[in-house]
Structure formats: C-alpha cells, structure tokens
C-alpha cells in the first residue's frame, strides 16, 4: 500500500505540472483583435529593440525554442501567426533565451554544453545497460565499468535538467517580463495572465527533471540489491 501511494505521488508530481502548463497556454490562446501584431512580429520587434539583429524568427513544427547554433527564435505556427496572449508572451520568453546567448551568460552556455554531452550519453546509456549483464559472465571487472558509465550518463541528464530550470526561469522573469513591462505592450489584466504564461514556459522542463531524478533513484535502488 505504501509503495502504491508513493508511486501515485510521484506520478502526480511528474504529470500534473505538464497538464497545468498545457491548460494555461490553451486558456490564453484565443485570437485578440485588439493586438497590433502576432507572436512573430513581437519577437522581431523585441530583438530589433535590443539591437540583436543577427537572430532570425522562424516557424517550426518542433516546439517553441531558441536555437543558439542557427541563432533563431522558432515558434509553432499558432504562436508565430496568432495574435494571442500566449503567442506574444511565449515569443518574449524565447527572445529571453536569445538575450542570454547574446550576452554570453554562463548558465546558458553551460546548459548548451551539457545538452550536447547528454545527447551523446543518452544514446550510449541503453547500450551500456544492456551489455552489463552479458559482461558479468565474460569480464566482471569490465561490467562494473560499463555500469558506472551508464550511471554517469544518467547523472549528466539530471544535471542538465537542474541547470535548465534556472535558465528557463531567467528567460521568463529576468528577461521577458521586464521587456513586456517596460514596453507597456499589455494591459494590467493581461500582464497578470502573462505572468502565468511565463511561469508555465519556465516550468515546461519540470516533468523531465523529475523523471530523470526518478530514473536515477530506481537505478540506485537496484544497485544496492
């Protein structure tokens, strides 16, 4: 019974933030005839205002993000073309990441480096874990090293997610919110909703962070047996 309760609590912690994020973004997605521009135009306006002219604004099918390699703020079609509160606020959030890159901020750069390492490690970890039981019979010493390498790759994922959270929070509340407030683009009522949207944008990675911690905890428990 205790294990079932703990499992339900973990599932709630992992999935409820995602449901809340989707709910907030959907709530503020209706078209607004009183808005002078869409998400793409807001992003371009903010970038030009900040003299970040080498960053382009593009439409994407792979989720809203800022690509530091191509120097591109990418928005999904609904936010790129839509005159919605969600569109313009998410655009400001992604511009926040462009500002972090433009200013060469350490935490943003660290997140980028960890993302590359984590990608490589995530490809290797399943192979290493699958090979470990076989190596136990062939070469026990080598099997311990492969298992250690798999654990380290998972630790990299946890570390990247932990670094991602403050980077996302800063993009929302250290960059996007001041830009929206100083420019007075939104009414006081819309600014209250914008804070909700920015919180949702910053917490997008919470579920991934919790999942990586849970996976690591399960592996650590197995190793103690």
Protein backbone atom coordinates (compact mmCIF):
# COMPACT_ATOMS: atom_id res chain seq x y z
CA UNK A 1 0.00 0.00 0.00
CA UNK A 2 2.81 2.40 0.91
CA UNK A 3 4.58 1.74 -2.40
CA UNK A 4 1.32 2.38 -4.29
CA UNK A 5 0.82 5.71 -2.52
CA UNK A 6 4.41 6.75 -3.19
CA UNK A 7 4.03 5.76 -6.85
CA UNK A 8 0.82 7.81 -7.17
CA UNK A 9 2.50 10.83 -5.56
CA UNK A 10 5.44 10.57 -7.97
CA UNK A 11 3.08 10.24 -10.96
CA UNK A 12 1.13 13.29 -9.80
CA UNK A 13 4.31 15.34 -9.34
CA UNK A 14 5.60 14.29 -12.76
CA UNK A 15 2.44 14.76 -14.82
CA UNK A 16 0.35 17.45 -13.12
CA UNK A 17 2.79 20.29 -14.00
CA UNK A 18 2.51 19.31 -17.67
CA UNK A 19 -1.29 19.33 -17.54
CA UNK A 20 -1.24 22.74 -15.84
CA UNK A 21 1.19 24.17 -18.43
CA UNK A 22 -0.99 23.00 -21.34
CA UNK A 23 -4.10 24.34 -19.63
CA UNK A 24 -2.59 27.80 -19.08
CA UNK A 25 -1.30 28.09 -22.65
CA UNK A 26 -4.63 26.95 -24.11
CA UNK A 27 -6.63 29.31 -21.89
CA UNK A 28 -4.86 32.35 -23.34
CA UNK A 29 -4.74 31.18 -26.97
CA UNK A 30 -7.93 32.79 -28.41
CA UNK A 31 -7.30 35.43 -31.09
CA UNK A 32 -7.23 39.02 -29.88
CA UNK A 33 -8.44 41.66 -32.32
CA UNK A 34 -7.01 44.39 -30.09
CA UNK A 35 -3.43 43.13 -30.51
CA UNK A 36 -1.42 45.04 -33.15
CA UNK A 37 0.78 42.05 -34.03
CA UNK A 38 1.33 38.32 -33.76
CA UNK A 39 3.99 36.30 -31.94
CA UNK A 40 6.49 36.51 -34.79
CA UNK A 41 6.14 40.29 -35.00
CA UNK A 42 6.54 40.63 -31.24
CA UNK A 43 9.72 38.55 -31.32
CA UNK A 44 11.15 40.59 -34.21
CA UNK A 45 10.22 43.86 -32.53
CA UNK A 46 11.90 42.91 -29.24
CA UNK A 47 15.05 41.64 -30.99
CA UNK A 48 15.34 44.87 -33.00
CA UNK A 49 14.72 46.95 -29.88
CA UNK A 50 17.61 45.15 -28.18
CA UNK A 51 19.85 45.51 -31.28
CA UNK A 52 20.04 41.73 -31.72
CA UNK A 53 19.75 41.83 -35.48
CA UNK A 54 21.61 38.59 -36.26
CA UNK A 55 18.81 36.44 -34.80
CA UNK A 56 16.03 35.36 -37.17
CA UNK A 57 12.43 34.48 -36.31
CA UNK A 58 11.11 31.29 -37.91
CA UNK A 59 8.09 29.00 -37.80
CA UNK A 60 8.67 25.41 -36.61
CA UNK A 61 6.82 22.14 -36.14
CA UNK A 62 9.10 21.03 -33.30
CA UNK A 63 8.01 23.15 -30.35
CA UNK A 64 8.84 26.73 -29.39
CA UNK A 65 12.56 27.19 -28.76
CA UNK A 66 15.63 29.30 -29.36
CA UNK A 67 18.36 27.65 -31.43
CA UNK A 68 21.78 29.08 -30.49
CA UNK A 69 23.51 27.27 -33.37
CA UNK A 70 21.36 28.88 -36.07
CA UNK A 71 20.61 31.98 -33.96
CA UNK A 72 16.89 31.53 -34.49
CA UNK A 73 13.81 32.12 -32.36
CA UNK A 74 11.41 29.40 -33.51
CA UNK A 75 7.69 29.43 -32.78
CA UNK A 76 4.99 26.92 -33.64
CA UNK A 77 2.54 28.09 -36.31
CA UNK A 78 -0.23 29.02 -33.86
CA UNK A 79 2.08 31.35 -31.94
CA UNK A 80 4.01 32.56 -34.99
CA UNK A 81 0.85 33.68 -36.83
CA UNK A 82 -1.62 34.13 -33.99
CA UNK A 83 -2.49 37.42 -32.36
CA UNK A 84 -2.89 35.78 -28.98
CA UNK A 85 -1.65 36.46 -25.49
CA UNK A 86 0.06 33.08 -25.40
CA UNK A 87 1.75 33.80 -28.74
CA UNK A 88 3.25 37.17 -27.83
CA UNK A 89 4.29 36.12 -24.31
CA UNK A 90 5.93 32.86 -25.43
CA UNK A 91 7.68 34.85 -28.16
CA UNK A 92 9.06 37.17 -25.45
CA UNK A 93 10.22 34.13 -23.45
CA UNK A 94 12.16 32.73 -26.44
CA UNK A 95 13.65 36.17 -27.07
CA UNK A 96 14.79 35.96 -23.45
CA UNK A 97 16.95 32.99 -24.44
CA UNK A 98 18.33 34.97 -27.39
CA UNK A 99 19.29 37.70 -24.91
CA UNK A 100 21.07 35.13 -22.71
CA UNK A 101 23.03 33.95 -25.74
CA UNK A 102 23.77 37.47 -26.95
CA UNK A 103 25.14 38.39 -23.51
CA UNK A 104 27.17 35.17 -23.35
CA UNK A 105 25.68 34.26 -19.98
CA UNK A 106 27.50 31.40 -18.24
CA UNK A 107 24.50 29.34 -17.19
CA UNK A 108 23.03 29.44 -20.70
CA UNK A 109 26.36 28.35 -22.19
CA UNK A 110 26.69 25.59 -19.58
CA UNK A 111 23.22 24.31 -20.44
CA UNK A 112 24.20 24.19 -24.13
CA UNK A 113 27.38 22.24 -23.43
CA UNK A 114 25.57 19.82 -21.12
CA UNK A 115 22.82 19.31 -23.72
CA UNK A 116 25.37 18.09 -26.27
CA UNK A 117 27.04 15.74 -23.78
CA UNK A 118 23.67 14.50 -22.52
CA UNK A 119 22.52 13.71 -26.06
CA UNK A 120 25.59 11.57 -26.68
CA UNK A 121 25.31 9.91 -23.26
CA UNK A 122 21.60 9.17 -23.75
CA UNK A 123 22.44 7.26 -26.92
CA UNK A 124 25.15 5.27 -25.17
CA UNK A 125 23.42 4.56 -21.84
CA UNK A 126 20.86 1.95 -23.08
CA UNK A 127 23.62 0.06 -24.90
CA UNK A 128 25.83 0.07 -21.82
CA UNK A 129 23.00 -1.09 -19.55
CA UNK A 130 22.05 -3.87 -21.98
CA UNK A 131 25.67 -5.01 -22.25
CA UNK A 132 26.34 -5.09 -18.50
CA UNK A 133 24.58 -8.41 -17.68
CA UNK A 134 26.41 -10.11 -20.54
CA UNK A 135 29.76 -8.77 -19.44
CA UNK A 136 29.18 -10.03 -15.90
CA UNK A 137 29.76 -13.54 -17.25
CA UNK A 138 32.59 -12.62 -19.60
CA UNK A 139 34.50 -9.95 -17.70
CA UNK A 140 33.07 -8.89 -14.30
CA UNK A 141 35.58 -6.04 -13.93
CA UNK A 142 34.60 -4.57 -17.30
CA UNK A 143 30.89 -4.91 -16.47
CA UNK A 144 31.36 -2.68 -13.44
CA UNK A 145 32.90 0.00 -15.64
CA UNK A 146 30.06 -0.16 -18.18
CA UNK A 147 27.52 0.11 -15.36
CA UNK A 148 29.39 3.09 -13.90
CA UNK A 149 29.43 4.74 -17.34
CA UNK A 150 25.66 4.21 -17.64
CA UNK A 151 25.07 5.77 -14.21
CA UNK A 152 27.28 8.75 -15.08
CA UNK A 153 25.32 9.30 -18.31
CA UNK A 154 22.10 9.41 -16.29
CA UNK A 155 23.70 11.83 -13.83
CA UNK A 156 24.51 14.09 -16.78
CA UNK A 157 20.82 14.13 -17.67
CA UNK A 158 19.87 15.06 -14.12
CA UNK A 159 22.50 17.82 -14.04
CA UNK A 160 21.34 19.26 -17.37
CA UNK A 161 17.73 19.38 -16.20
CA UNK A 162 18.74 21.05 -12.94
CA UNK A 163 20.70 23.70 -14.88
CA UNK A 164 17.82 24.12 -17.35
CA UNK A 165 15.32 25.21 -14.70
CA UNK A 166 17.11 28.44 -13.64
CA UNK A 167 17.90 29.21 -17.30
CA UNK A 168 14.20 28.93 -18.19
CA UNK A 169 13.15 30.92 -15.12
CA UNK A 170 15.57 33.71 -16.02
CA UNK A 171 14.31 33.78 -19.62
CA UNK A 172 10.79 34.28 -18.27
CA UNK A 173 11.24 36.57 -15.29
CA UNK A 174 14.72 38.01 -15.72
CA UNK A 175 14.32 38.85 -19.41
CA UNK A 176 10.81 38.54 -20.91
CA UNK A 177 8.78 40.04 -18.05
CA UNK A 178 10.90 43.23 -17.77
CA UNK A 179 10.70 43.65 -21.56
CA UNK A 180 6.92 43.37 -21.51
CA UNK A 181 6.59 45.68 -18.51
CA UNK A 182 8.95 48.36 -19.82
CA UNK A 183 7.34 48.35 -23.26
CA UNK A 184 3.82 48.53 -21.83
CA UNK A 185 2.60 46.21 -24.58
CA UNK A 186 -0.10 44.67 -22.40
CA UNK A 187 -2.84 45.92 -20.11
CA UNK A 188 -2.59 45.37 -16.36
CA UNK A 189 -5.06 42.47 -16.63
CA UNK A 190 -3.10 40.88 -19.47
CA UNK A 191 0.15 41.31 -17.56
CA UNK A 192 -1.30 39.25 -14.71
CA UNK A 193 -2.10 36.49 -17.22
CA UNK A 194 1.31 36.95 -18.84
CA UNK A 195 2.97 36.06 -15.54
CA UNK A 196 1.03 32.79 -15.54
CA UNK A 197 2.14 32.05 -19.10
CA UNK A 198 5.76 32.88 -18.28
CA UNK A 199 5.61 30.59 -15.25
CA UNK A 200 4.24 27.84 -17.50
CA UNK A 201 7.01 28.44 -20.05
CA UNK A 202 9.66 28.27 -17.33
CA UNK A 203 8.22 25.08 -15.81
CA UNK A 204 7.99 23.16 -19.08
CA UNK A 205 11.04 21.13 -18.08
CA UNK A 206 9.93 20.28 -14.55
CA UNK A 207 8.43 16.93 -15.58
CA UNK A 208 11.63 15.98 -17.42
CA UNK A 209 13.71 16.92 -14.37
CA UNK A 210 11.55 14.87 -12.03
CA UNK A 211 11.55 11.90 -14.42
CA UNK A 212 15.35 11.91 -14.65
CA UNK A 213 15.63 12.04 -10.85
CA UNK A 214 13.15 9.20 -10.52
CA UNK A 215 15.02 7.05 -13.05
CA UNK A 216 18.27 7.67 -11.21
CA UNK A 217 16.64 6.77 -7.90
CA UNK A 218 15.29 3.49 -9.31
CA UNK A 219 18.74 2.61 -10.69
CA UNK A 220 20.42 3.44 -7.37
CA UNK A 221 17.94 1.20 -5.56
CA UNK A 222 18.66 -1.67 -7.96
CA UNK A 223 22.40 -1.24 -7.49
CA UNK A 224 22.06 -1.58 -3.71
CA UNK A 225 20.50 -5.00 -4.08
